[in-house]
Amino acid sequence: KKQTQIFIETPYRNKQVFEDMLQVCNPNTLLCVATDITLES
């Protein structure tokens, strides 16, 4: 669909989800990680 897919996770499972994406997604797939939006961090 040439469509951006957006999802969230319970914060303590973020690392597992991130690692799963590295394992199963195509190397050329674009991934945006957006953390602590609007905060100093």
ModelCIF file with pLDDT and N, C-alpha, C, O atoms, coordinates in Angstrom:
data_MODEL
#
_entry.id   MODEL 
#
_entity.id                         1 
_entity.type                       polymer 
_entity.pdbx_number_of_molecules   1 
#
_entity_poly.entity_id                      1 
_entity_poly.type                           'polypeptide(L)' 
_entity_poly.nstd_linkage                   no 
_entity_poly.nstd_monomer                   no 
_entity_poly.pdbx_seq_one_letter_code       KKQTQIFIETPYRNKQVFEDMLQVCNPNTLLCVATDITLES 
_entity_poly.pdbx_seq_one_letter_code_can   KKQTQIFIETPYRNKQVFEDMLQVCNPNTLLCVATDITLES 
_entity_poly.pdbx_strand_id                 A 
#
loop_
_entity_poly_seq.entity_id 
_entity_poly_seq.num 
_entity_poly_seq.mon_id 
_entity_poly_seq.hetero 
1 1  LYS n 
1 2  LYS n 
1 3  GLN n 
1 4  THR n 
1 5  GLN n 
1 6  ILE n 
1 7  PHE n 
1 8  ILE n 
1 9  GLU n 
1 10 THR n 
1 11 PRO n 
1 12 TYR n 
1 13 ARG n 
1 14 ASN n 
1 15 LYS n 
1 16 GLN n 
1 17 VAL n 
1 18 PHE n 
1 19 GLU n 
1 20 ASP n 
1 21 MET n 
1 22 LEU n 
1 23 GLN n 
1 24 VAL n 
1 25 CYS n 
1 26 ASN n 
1 27 PRO n 
1 28 ASN n 
1 29 THR n 
1 30 LEU n 
1 31 LEU n 
1 32 CYS n 
1 33 VAL n 
1 34 ALA n 
1 35 THR n 
1 36 ASP n 
1 37 ILE n 
1 38 THR n 
1 39 LEU n 
1 40 GLU n 
1 41 SER n 
#
_struct_asym.id          A 
_struct_asym.entity_id   1 
#
loop_
_ma_qa_metric.id 
_ma_qa_metric.mode 
_ma_qa_metric.name 
_ma_qa_metric.software_group_id 
_ma_qa_metric.type 
1 global pLDDT . pLDDT 
2 local  pLDDT . pLDDT 
#
_ma_qa_metric_global.metric_id      1 
_ma_qa_metric_global.metric_value   95.90 
_ma_qa_metric_global.model_id       1 
_ma_qa_metric_global.ordinal_id     1 
#
loop_
_ma_qa_metric_local.label_asym_id 
_ma_qa_metric_local.label_comp_id 
_ma_qa_metric_local.label_seq_id 
_ma_qa_metric_local.metric_id 
_ma_qa_metric_local.metric_value 
_ma_qa_metric_local.model_id 
_ma_qa_metric_local.ordinal_id 
A LYS 1  2 96.00 1 1  
A LYS 2  2 96.00 1 2  
A GLN 3  2 98.00 1 3  
A THR 4  2 98.00 1 4  
A GLN 5  2 98.00 1 5  
A ILE 6  2 98.00 1 6  
A PHE 7  2 97.00 1 7  
A ILE 8  2 95.00 1 8  
A GLU 9  2 93.00 1 9  
A THR 10 2 91.00 1 10 
A PRO 11 2 92.00 1 11 
A TYR 12 2 94.00 1 12 
A ARG 13 2 94.00 1 13 
A ASN 14 2 96.00 1 14 
A LYS 15 2 96.00 1 15 
A GLN 16 2 96.00 1 16 
A VAL 17 2 96.00 1 17 
A PHE 18 2 97.00 1 18 
A GLU 19 2 97.00 1 19 
A ASP 20 2 97.00 1 20 
A MET 21 2 97.00 1 21 
A LEU 22 2 97.00 1 22 
A GLN 23 2 96.00 1 23 
A VAL 24 2 96.00 1 24 
A CYS 25 2 97.00 1 25 
A ASN 26 2 96.00 1 26 
A PRO 27 2 97.00 1 27 
A ASN 28 2 97.00 1 28 
A THR 29 2 98.00 1 29 
A LEU 30 2 98.00 1 30 
A LEU 31 2 98.00 1 31 
A CYS 32 2 98.00 1 32 
A VAL 33 2 98.00 1 33 
A ALA 34 2 98.00 1 34 
A THR 35 2 97.00 1 35 
A ASP 36 2 95.00 1 36 
A ILE 37 2 95.00 1 37 
A THR 38 2 93.00 1 38 
A LEU 39 2 92.00 1 39 
A GLU 40 2 91.00 1 40 
A SER 41 2 93.00 1 41 
#
loop_
_atom_site.group_PDB 
_atom_site.id 
_atom_site.type_symbol 
_atom_site.label_atom_id 
_atom_site.label_alt_id 
_atom_site.label_comp_id 
_atom_site.label_asym_id 
_atom_site.label_entity_id 
_atom_site.label_seq_id 
_atom_site.pdbx_PDB_ins_code 
_atom_site.Cartn_x 
_atom_site.Cartn_y 
_atom_site.Cartn_z 
_atom_site.occupancy 
_atom_site.B_iso_or_equiv 
_atom_site.pdbx_formal_charge 
_atom_site.auth_seq_id 
_atom_site.auth_comp_id 
_atom_site.auth_asym_id 
_atom_site.auth_atom_id 
_atom_site.pdbx_PDB_model_num 
ATOM 1   N N  . LYS A 1 1  ? 0.798  -1.227  0.000  1.00 96.00 ? 1  LYS A N  1 
ATOM 2   C CA . LYS A 1 1  ? 0.000  0.000   0.000  1.00 96.00 ? 1  LYS A CA 1 
ATOM 3   C C  . LYS A 1 1  ? 0.834  1.284   0.000  1.00 96.00 ? 1  LYS A C  1 
ATOM 4   O O  . LYS A 1 1  ? 0.291  2.387   -0.056 1.00 96.00 ? 1  LYS A O  1 
ATOM 5   N N  . LYS A 1 2  ? 2.160  1.126   0.064  1.00 96.00 ? 2  LYS A N  1 
ATOM 6   C CA . LYS A 1 2  ? 3.063  2.273   0.194  1.00 96.00 ? 2  LYS A CA 1 
ATOM 7   C C  . LYS A 1 2  ? 2.619  3.127   1.390  1.00 96.00 ? 2  LYS A C  1 
ATOM 8   O O  . LYS A 1 2  ? 2.530  4.353   1.313  1.00 96.00 ? 2  LYS A O  1 
ATOM 9   N N  . GLN A 1 3  ? 2.350  2.433   2.484  1.00 98.00 ? 3  GLN A N  1 
ATOM 10  C CA . GLN A 1 3  ? 1.704  3.040   3.649  1.00 98.00 ? 3  GLN A CA 1 
ATOM 11  C C  . GLN A 1 3  ? 2.608  2.960   4.884  1.00 98.00 ? 3  GLN A C  1 
ATOM 12  O O  . GLN A 1 3  ? 3.152  1.900   5.191  1.00 98.00 ? 3  GLN A O  1 
ATOM 13  N N  . THR A 1 4  ? 2.762  4.065   5.575  1.00 98.00 ? 4  THR A N  1 
ATOM 14  C CA . THR A 1 4  ? 3.495  4.068   6.838  1.00 98.00 ? 4  THR A CA 1 
ATOM 15  C C  . THR A 1 4  ? 2.678  3.342   7.894  1.00 98.00 ? 4  THR A C  1 
ATOM 16  O O  . THR A 1 4  ? 1.499  3.636   8.089  1.00 98.00 ? 4  THR A O  1 
ATOM 17  N N  . GLN A 1 5  ? 3.307  2.395   8.573  1.00 98.00 ? 5  GLN A N  1 
ATOM 18  C CA . GLN A 1 5  ? 2.654  1.645   9.640  1.00 98.00 ? 5  GLN A CA 1 
ATOM 19  C C  . GLN A 1 5  ? 3.191  2.134   10.982 1.00 98.00 ? 5  GLN A C  1 
ATOM 20  O O  . GLN A 1 5  ? 4.402  2.156   11.201 1.00 98.00 ? 5  GLN A O  1 
ATOM 21  N N  . ILE A 1 6  ? 2.291  2.522   11.870 1.00 98.00 ? 6  ILE A N  1 
ATOM 22  C CA . ILE A 1 6  ? 2.671  3.112   13.156 1.00 98.00 ? 6  ILE A CA 1 
ATOM 23  C C  . ILE A 1 6  ? 2.170  2.207   14.278 1.00 98.00 ? 6  ILE A C  1 
ATOM 24  O O  . ILE A 1 6  ? 1.021  1.765   14.261 1.00 98.00 ? 6  ILE A O  1 
ATOM 25  N N  . PHE A 1 7  ? 3.030  1.936   15.244 1.00 97.00 ? 7  PHE A N  1 
ATOM 26  C CA . PHE A 1 7  ? 2.592  1.122   16.387 1.00 97.00 ? 7  PHE A CA 1 
ATOM 27  C C  . PHE A 1 7  ? 3.367  1.518   17.635 1.00 97.00 ? 7  PHE A C  1 
ATOM 28  O O  . PHE A 1 7  ? 4.404  2.177   17.559 1.00 97.00 ? 7  PHE A O  1 
ATOM 29  N N  . ILE A 1 8  ? 2.849  1.108   18.772 1.00 95.00 ? 8  ILE A N  1 
ATOM 30  C CA . ILE A 1 8  ? 3.471  1.407   20.055 1.00 95.00 ? 8  ILE A CA 1 
ATOM 31  C C  . ILE A 1 8  ? 3.591  0.115   20.851 1.00 95.00 ? 8  ILE A C  1 
ATOM 32  O O  . ILE A 1 8  ? 3.063  -0.925  20.458 1.00 95.00 ? 8  ILE A O  1 
ATOM 33  N N  . GLU A 1 9  ? 4.294  0.198   21.976 1.00 93.00 ? 9  GLU A N  1 
ATOM 34  C CA . GLU A 1 9  ? 4.464  -0.960  22.830 1.00 93.00 ? 9  GLU A CA 1 
ATOM 35  C C  . GLU A 1 9  ? 4.550  -0.515  24.272 1.00 93.00 ? 9  GLU A C  1 
ATOM 36  O O  . GLU A 1 9  ? 4.923  0.624   24.553 1.00 93.00 ? 9  GLU A O  1 
ATOM 37  N N  . THR A 1 10 ? 4.209  -1.402  25.189 1.00 91.00 ? 10 THR A N  1 
ATOM 38  C CA . THR A 1 10 ? 4.425  -1.136  26.594 1.00 91.00 ? 10 THR A CA 1 
ATOM 39  C C  . THR A 1 10 ? 5.919  -0.854  26.776 1.00 91.00 ? 10 THR A C  1 
ATOM 40  O O  . THR A 1 10 ? 6.744  -1.639  26.307 1.00 91.00 ? 10 THR A O  1 
ATOM 41  N N  . PRO A 1 11 ? 6.291  0.247   27.443 1.00 92.00 ? 11 PRO A N  1 
ATOM 42  C CA . PRO A 1 11 ? 7.698  0.680   27.477 1.00 92.00 ? 11 PRO A CA 1 
ATOM 43  C C  . PRO A 1 11 ? 8.711  -0.392  27.860 1.00 92.00 ? 11 PRO A C  1 
ATOM 44  O O  . PRO A 1 11 ? 9.828  -0.383  27.344 1.00 92.00 ? 11 PRO A O  1 
ATOM 45  N N  . TYR A 1 12 ? 8.354  -1.313  28.748 1.00 94.00 ? 12 TYR A N  1 
ATOM 46  C CA . TYR A 1 12 ? 9.354  -2.323  29.148 1.00 94.00 ? 12 TYR A CA 1 
ATOM 47  C C  . TYR A 1 12 ? 9.533  -3.412  28.089 1.00 94.00 ? 12 TYR A C  1 
ATOM 48  O O  . TYR A 1 12 ? 10.420 -4.255  28.230 1.00 94.00 ? 12 TYR A O  1 
ATOM 49  N N  . ARG A 1 13 ? 8.718  -3.416  27.036 1.00 94.00 ? 13 ARG A N  1 
ATOM 50  C CA . ARG A 1 13 ? 8.918  -4.380  25.944 1.00 94.00 ? 13 ARG A CA 1 
ATOM 51  C C  . ARG A 1 13 ? 9.496  -3.718  24.687 1.00 94.00 ? 13 ARG A C  1 
ATOM 52  O O  . ARG A 1 13 ? 9.601  -4.365  23.644 1.00 94.00 ? 13 ARG A O  1 
ATOM 53  N N  . ASN A 1 14 ? 9.865  -2.454  24.774 1.00 96.00 ? 14 ASN A N  1 
ATOM 54  C CA . ASN A 1 14 ? 10.390 -1.748  23.594 1.00 96.00 ? 14 ASN A CA 1 
ATOM 55  C C  . ASN A 1 14 ? 11.598 -2.453  22.981 1.00 96.00 ? 14 ASN A C  1 
ATOM 56  O O  . ASN A 1 14 ? 11.681 -2.613  21.763 1.00 96.00 ? 14 ASN A O  1 
ATOM 57  N N  . LYS A 1 15 ? 12.529 -2.871  23.830 1.00 96.00 ? 15 LYS A N  1 
ATOM 58  C CA . LYS A 1 15 ? 13.764 -3.465  23.317 1.00 96.00 ? 15 LYS A CA 1 
ATOM 59  C C  . LYS A 1 15 ? 13.492 -4.772  22.579 1.00 96.00 ? 15 LYS A C  1 
ATOM 60  O O  . LYS A 1 15 ? 14.118 -5.054  21.557 1.00 96.00 ? 15 LYS A O  1 
ATOM 61  N N  . GLN A 1 16 ? 12.550 -5.573  23.101 1.00 96.00 ? 16 GLN A N  1 
ATOM 62  C CA . GLN A 1 16 ? 12.218 -6.832  22.425 1.00 96.00 ? 16 GLN A CA 1 
ATOM 63  C C  . GLN A 1 16 ? 11.627 -6.582  21.043 1.00 96.00 ? 16 GLN A C  1 
ATOM 64  O O  . GLN A 1 16 ? 11.964 -7.267  20.077 1.00 96.00 ? 16 GLN A O  1 
ATOM 65  N N  . VAL A 1 17 ? 10.739 -5.588  20.962 1.00 96.00 ? 17 VAL A N  1 
ATOM 66  C CA . VAL A 1 17 ? 10.129 -5.261  19.673 1.00 96.00 ? 17 VAL A CA 1 
ATOM 67  C C  . VAL A 1 17 ? 11.191 -4.761  18.693 1.00 96.00 ? 17 VAL A C  1 
ATOM 68  O O  . VAL A 1 17 ? 11.217 -5.165  17.531 1.00 96.00 ? 17 VAL A O  1 
ATOM 69  N N  . PHE A 1 18 ? 12.052 -3.889  19.171 1.00 97.00 ? 18 PHE A N  1 
ATOM 70  C CA . PHE A 1 18 ? 13.114 -3.355  18.320 1.00 97.00 ? 18 PHE A CA 1 
ATOM 71  C C  . PHE A 1 18 ? 14.011 -4.488  17.792 1.00 97.00 ? 18 PHE A C  1 
ATOM 72  O O  . PHE A 1 18 ? 14.333 -4.527  16.605 1.00 97.00 ? 18 PHE A O  1 
ATOM 73  N N  . GLU A 1 19 ? 14.403 -5.393  18.669 1.00 97.00 ? 19 GLU A N  1 
ATOM 74  C CA . GLU A 1 19 ? 15.256 -6.514  18.261 1.00 97.00 ? 19 GLU A CA 1 
ATOM 75  C C  . GLU A 1 19 ? 14.543 -7.437  17.281 1.00 97.00 ? 19 GLU A C  1 
ATOM 76  O O  . GLU A 1 19 ? 15.163 -7.967  16.359 1.00 97.00 ? 19 GLU A O  1 
ATOM 77  N N  . ASP A 1 20 ? 13.238 -7.629  17.479 1.00 97.00 ? 20 ASP A N  1 
ATOM 78  C CA . ASP A 1 20 ? 12.476 -8.456  16.533 1.00 97.00 ? 20 ASP A CA 1 
ATOM 79  C C  . ASP A 1 20 ? 12.464 -7.826  15.147 1.00 97.00 ? 20 ASP A C  1 
ATOM 80  O O  . ASP A 1 20 ? 12.599 -8.531  14.147 1.00 97.00 ? 20 ASP A O  1 
ATOM 81  N N  . MET A 1 21 ? 12.307 -6.511  15.076 1.00 97.00 ? 21 MET A N  1 
ATOM 82  C CA . MET A 1 21 ? 12.297 -5.833  13.775 1.00 97.00 ? 21 MET A CA 1 
ATOM 83  C C  . MET A 1 21 ? 13.627 -6.005  13.063 1.00 97.00 ? 21 MET A C  1 
ATOM 84  O O  . MET A 1 21 ? 13.660 -6.197  11.847 1.00 97.00 ? 21 MET A O  1 
ATOM 85  N N  . LEU A 1 22 ? 14.725 -5.938  13.808 1.00 97.00 ? 22 LEU A N  1 
ATOM 86  C CA . LEU A 1 22 ? 16.036 -6.118  13.192 1.00 97.00 ? 22 LEU A CA 1 
ATOM 87  C C  . LEU A 1 22 ? 16.196 -7.524  12.620 1.00 97.00 ? 22 LEU A C  1 
ATOM 88  O O  . LEU A 1 22 ? 16.916 -7.730  11.643 1.00 97.00 ? 22 LEU A O  1 
ATOM 89  N N  . GLN A 1 23 ? 15.518 -8.486  13.238 1.00 96.00 ? 23 GLN A N  1 
ATOM 90  C CA . GLN A 1 23 ? 15.638 -9.881  12.816 1.00 96.00 ? 23 GLN A CA 1 
ATOM 91  C C  . GLN A 1 23 ? 14.749 -10.225 11.631 1.00 96.00 ? 23 GLN A C  1 
ATOM 92  O O  . GLN A 1 23 ? 15.165 -10.971 10.745 1.00 96.00 ? 23 GLN A O  1 
ATOM 93  N N  . VAL A 1 24 ? 13.527 -9.693  11.602 1.00 96.00 ? 24 VAL A N  1 
ATOM 94  C CA . VAL A 1 24 ? 12.555 -10.168 10.611 1.00 96.00 ? 24 VAL A CA 1 
ATOM 95  C C  . VAL A 1 24 ? 12.290 -9.202  9.457  1.00 96.00 ? 24 VAL A C  1 
ATOM 96  O O  . VAL A 1 24 ? 11.784 -9.623  8.416  1.00 96.00 ? 24 VAL A O  1 
ATOM 97  N N  . CYS A 1 25 ? 12.617 -7.927  9.613  1.00 97.00 ? 25 CYS A N  1 
ATOM 98  C CA . CYS A 1 25 ? 12.295 -6.967  8.560  1.00 97.00 ? 25 CYS A CA 1 
ATOM 99  C C  . CYS A 1 25 ? 13.401 -6.892  7.506  1.00 97.00 ? 25 CYS A C  1 
ATOM 100 O O  . CYS A 1 25 ? 14.562 -7.195  7.780  1.00 97.00 ? 25 CYS A O  1 
ATOM 101 N N  . ASN A 1 26 ? 13.020 -6.489  6.313  1.00 96.00 ? 26 ASN A N  1 
ATOM 102 C CA . ASN A 1 26 ? 13.966 -6.342  5.211  1.00 96.00 ? 26 ASN A CA 1 
ATOM 103 C C  . ASN A 1 26 ? 15.011 -5.278  5.558  1.00 96.00 ? 26 ASN A C  1 
ATOM 104 O O  . ASN A 1 26 ? 14.662 -4.245  6.129  1.00 96.00 ? 26 ASN A O  1 
ATOM 105 N N  . PRO A 1 27 ? 16.280 -5.509  5.227  1.00 97.00 ? 27 PRO A N  1 
ATOM 106 C CA . PRO A 1 27 ? 17.333 -4.547  5.559  1.00 97.00 ? 27 PRO A CA 1 
ATOM 107 C C  . PRO A 1 27 ? 17.082 -3.143  5.016  1.00 97.00 ? 27 PRO A C  1 
ATOM 108 O O  . PRO A 1 27 ? 17.566 -2.162  5.581  1.00 97.00 ? 27 PRO A O  1 
ATOM 109 N N  . ASN A 1 28 ? 16.317 -3.044  3.908  1.00 97.00 ? 28 ASN A N  1 
ATOM 110 C CA . ASN A 1 28 ? 16.068 -1.736  3.298  1.00 97.00 ? 28 ASN A CA 1 
ATOM 111 C C  . ASN A 1 28 ? 14.798 -1.051  3.795  1.00 97.00 ? 28 ASN A C  1 
ATOM 112 O O  . ASN A 1 28 ? 14.510 0.079   3.401  1.00 97.00 ? 28 ASN A O  1 
ATOM 113 N N  . THR A 1 29 ? 14.043 -1.722  4.651  1.00 98.00 ? 29 THR A N  1 
ATOM 114 C CA . THR A 1 29 ? 12.838 -1.102  5.223  1.00 98.00 ? 29 THR A CA 1 
ATOM 115 C C  . THR A 1 29 ? 13.237 0.062   6.121  1.00 98.00 ? 29 THR A C  1 
ATOM 116 O O  . THR A 1 29 ? 14.163 -0.048  6.925  1.00 98.00 ? 29 THR A O  1 
ATOM 117 N N  . LEU A 1 30 ? 12.540 1.161   5.978  1.00 98.00 ? 30 LEU A N  1 
ATOM 118 C CA . LEU A 1 30 ? 12.807 2.330   6.813  1.00 98.00 ? 30 LEU A CA 1 
ATOM 119 C C  . LEU A 1 30 ? 12.107 2.180   8.155  1.00 98.00 ? 30 LEU A C  1 
ATOM 120 O O  . LEU A 1 30 ? 10.937 1.806   8.222  1.00 98.00 ? 30 LEU A O  1 
ATOM 121 N N  . LEU A 1 31 ? 12.834 2.475   9.214  1.00 98.00 ? 31 LEU A N  1 
ATOM 122 C CA . LEU A 1 31 ? 12.286 2.421   10.567 1.00 98.00 ? 31 LEU A CA 1 
ATOM 123 C C  . LEU A 1 31 ? 12.563 3.741   11.271 1.00 98.00 ? 31 LEU A C  1 
ATOM 124 O O  . LEU A 1 31 ? 13.704 4.198   11.334 1.00 98.00 ? 31 LEU A O  1 
ATOM 125 N N  . CYS A 1 32 ? 11.513 4.342   11.795 1.00 98.00 ? 32 CYS A N  1 
ATOM 126 C CA . CYS A 1 32 ? 11.659 5.530   12.629 1.00 98.00 ? 32 CYS A CA 1 
ATOM 127 C C  . CYS A 1 32 ? 11.379 5.130   14.076 1.00 98.00 ? 32 CYS A C  1 
ATOM 128 O O  . CYS A 1 32 ? 10.364 4.500   14.369 1.00 98.00 ? 32 CYS A O  1 
ATOM 129 N N  . VAL A 1 33 ? 12.274 5.497   14.962 1.00 98.00 ? 33 VAL A N  1 
ATOM 130 C CA . VAL A 1 33 ? 12.101 5.289   16.398 1.00 98.00 ? 33 VAL A CA 1 
ATOM 131 C C  . VAL A 1 33 ? 11.960 6.674   17.034 1.00 98.00 ? 33 VAL A C  1 
ATOM 132 O O  . VAL A 1 33 ? 12.874 7.494   16.962 1.00 98.00 ? 33 VAL A O  1 
ATOM 133 N N  . ALA A 1 34 ? 10.812 6.923   17.654 1.00 98.00 ? 34 ALA A N  1 
ATOM 134 C CA . ALA A 1 34 ? 10.543 8.226   18.252 1.00 98.00 ? 34 ALA A CA 1 
ATOM 135 C C  . ALA A 1 34 ? 10.285 8.052   19.745 1.00 98.00 ? 34 ALA A C  1 
ATOM 136 O O  . ALA A 1 34 ? 9.296  7.436   20.143 1.00 98.00 ? 34 ALA A O  1 
ATOM 137 N N  . THR A 1 35 ? 11.170 8.592   20.560 1.00 97.00 ? 35 THR A N  1 
ATOM 138 C CA . THR A 1 35 ? 11.149 8.359   22.003 1.00 97.00 ? 35 THR A CA 1 
ATOM 139 C C  . THR A 1 35 ? 11.069 9.669   22.784 1.00 97.00 ? 35 THR A C  1 
ATOM 140 O O  . THR A 1 35 ? 11.697 10.663  22.421 1.00 97.00 ? 35 THR A O  1 
ATOM 141 N N  . ASP A 1 36 ? 10.283 9.651   23.866 1.00 95.00 ? 36 ASP A N  1 
ATOM 142 C CA . ASP A 1 36 ? 10.185 10.807  24.773 1.00 95.00 ? 36 ASP A CA 1 
ATOM 143 C C  . ASP A 1 36 ? 9.875  12.098  24.020 1.00 95.00 ? 36 ASP A C  1 
ATOM 144 O O  . ASP A 1 36 ? 10.524 13.122  24.233 1.00 95.00 ? 36 ASP A O  1 
ATOM 145 N N  . ILE A 1 37 ? 8.896  12.039  23.155 1.00 95.00 ? 37 ILE A N  1 
ATOM 146 C CA . ILE A 1 37 ? 8.538  13.207  22.347 1.00 95.00 ? 37 ILE A CA 1 
ATOM 147 C C  . ILE A 1 37 ? 8.085  14.362  23.235 1.00 95.00 ? 37 ILE A C  1 
ATOM 148 O O  . ILE A 1 37 ? 7.314  14.173  24.176 1.00 95.00 ? 37 ILE A O  1 
ATOM 149 N N  . THR A 1 38 ? 8.571  15.548  22.926 1.00 93.00 ? 38 THR A N  1 
ATOM 150 C CA . THR A 1 38 ? 8.330  16.836  23.608 1.00 93.00 ? 38 THR A CA 1 
ATOM 151 C C  . THR A 1 38 ? 9.159  16.985  24.887 1.00 93.00 ? 38 THR A C  1 
ATOM 152 O O  . THR A 1 38 ? 9.102  18.040  25.518 1.00 93.00 ? 38 THR A O  1 
ATOM 153 N N  . LEU A 1 39 ? 9.918  15.977  25.286 1.00 92.00 ? 39 LEU A N  1 
ATOM 154 C CA . LEU A 1 39 ? 10.723 16.056  26.501 1.00 92.00 ? 39 LEU A CA 1 
ATOM 155 C C  . LEU A 1 39 ? 12.173 16.417  26.153 1.00 92.00 ? 39 LEU A C  1 
ATOM 156 O O  . LEU A 1 39 ? 12.564 16.366  24.987 1.00 92.00 ? 39 LEU A O  1 
ATOM 157 N N  . GLU A 1 40 ? 12.955 16.774  27.152 1.00 91.00 ? 40 GLU A N  1 
ATOM 158 C CA . GLU A 1 40 ? 14.359 17.116  26.916 1.00 91.00 ? 40 GLU A CA 1 
ATOM 159 C C  . GLU A 1 40 ? 15.137 15.922  26.379 1.00 91.00 ? 40 GLU A C  1 
ATOM 160 O O  . GLU A 1 40 ? 16.117 16.094  25.654 1.00 91.00 ? 40 GLU A O  1 
ATOM 161 N N  . SER A 1 41 ? 14.709 14.723  26.728 1.00 93.00 ? 41 SER A N  1 
ATOM 162 C CA . SER A 1 41 ? 15.386 13.501  26.286 1.00 93.00 ? 41 SER A CA 1 
ATOM 163 C C  . SER A 1 41 ? 14.870 12.983  24.942 1.00 93.00 ? 41 SER A C  1 
ATOM 164 O O  . SER A 1 41 ? 15.349 11.962  24.449 1.00 93.00 ? 41 SER A O  1 
#
